Amino acid sequence: MSPEPESAEPIAPTVLLELALDMARQAGALLREKLGVPREVSFKTGHNDLVTDGDKAAEALITSRIRARFPDHRILAEEGATGADVSPYRWLIDPVDGTTNFAHNVPAFAVSIGVERDDQLQAGVVYNPATDELFAAALGRGATLNGRPIAVTTVGQPESALVGCGAISFRHQGRTIKAGRAFWSITQGCRTTGAAALDLCYVACGRFEIFCAPS
């Protein structure tokens, strides 16, 4: 497919979503092949801030696909920003959200891809290749899980709620633990997948009533 030049006409969110879905599936297949086999793991800023060969390979696959289809679009990826500075479109990529899980073969990690035009999100996908769950949304089109519409919970009482909490980090462990204790006292409990993108999708489909991640 030949590259599509930048145009004054906006690109339909569904067109952007179609590309994001295809890239997420391809990157997910690449990551799935690496589960259970030796892989390269390095450290970015500390012993619990990992990057793997899977992160790098998935990001390279996604960015190359974007450049081939939309060469003028900007890209903000985990390993750096690329592309032109003048395009109204910007792709936001986390090739492996939950890298520590992925490095330890825990099946809770995701390929996360979003795209915005003039700072307004147009489409986004979150794909867990280990469970083959694909969350997707496009502007004005609602959200889906594996093609079926999803909606947030109808639970209205804290005592019936399940809370998703961000993974405890060294920088924010005090605030995370404090928030967790507060929620534990008034809800049915707190859970973390270790991948914030999945936690947020679990809110979107009604598995969690709340997500809390101190920053």
Foldseek 3Di string as FASTA:
>chain_A
DAADEDDPDDDALVVVQVLQVVLFVVLLVLLVVCQPHDWDWDADPDPPHIDTPSQVVSVVSSVVSCCRHYVQEWEQEPVGIDHHPPFQKYKYWRSWQLVVCSNVNNQQIWTKIWMGGNPHTAKIWIARSSVRWIWIDGVPPAIDTVPHHAAAAPDDFLQAFEEEEEDQDPVCNVVRVVVQVVSVVGYVHYDYSSGVVVRVVCRGRHVGVYYYYDD
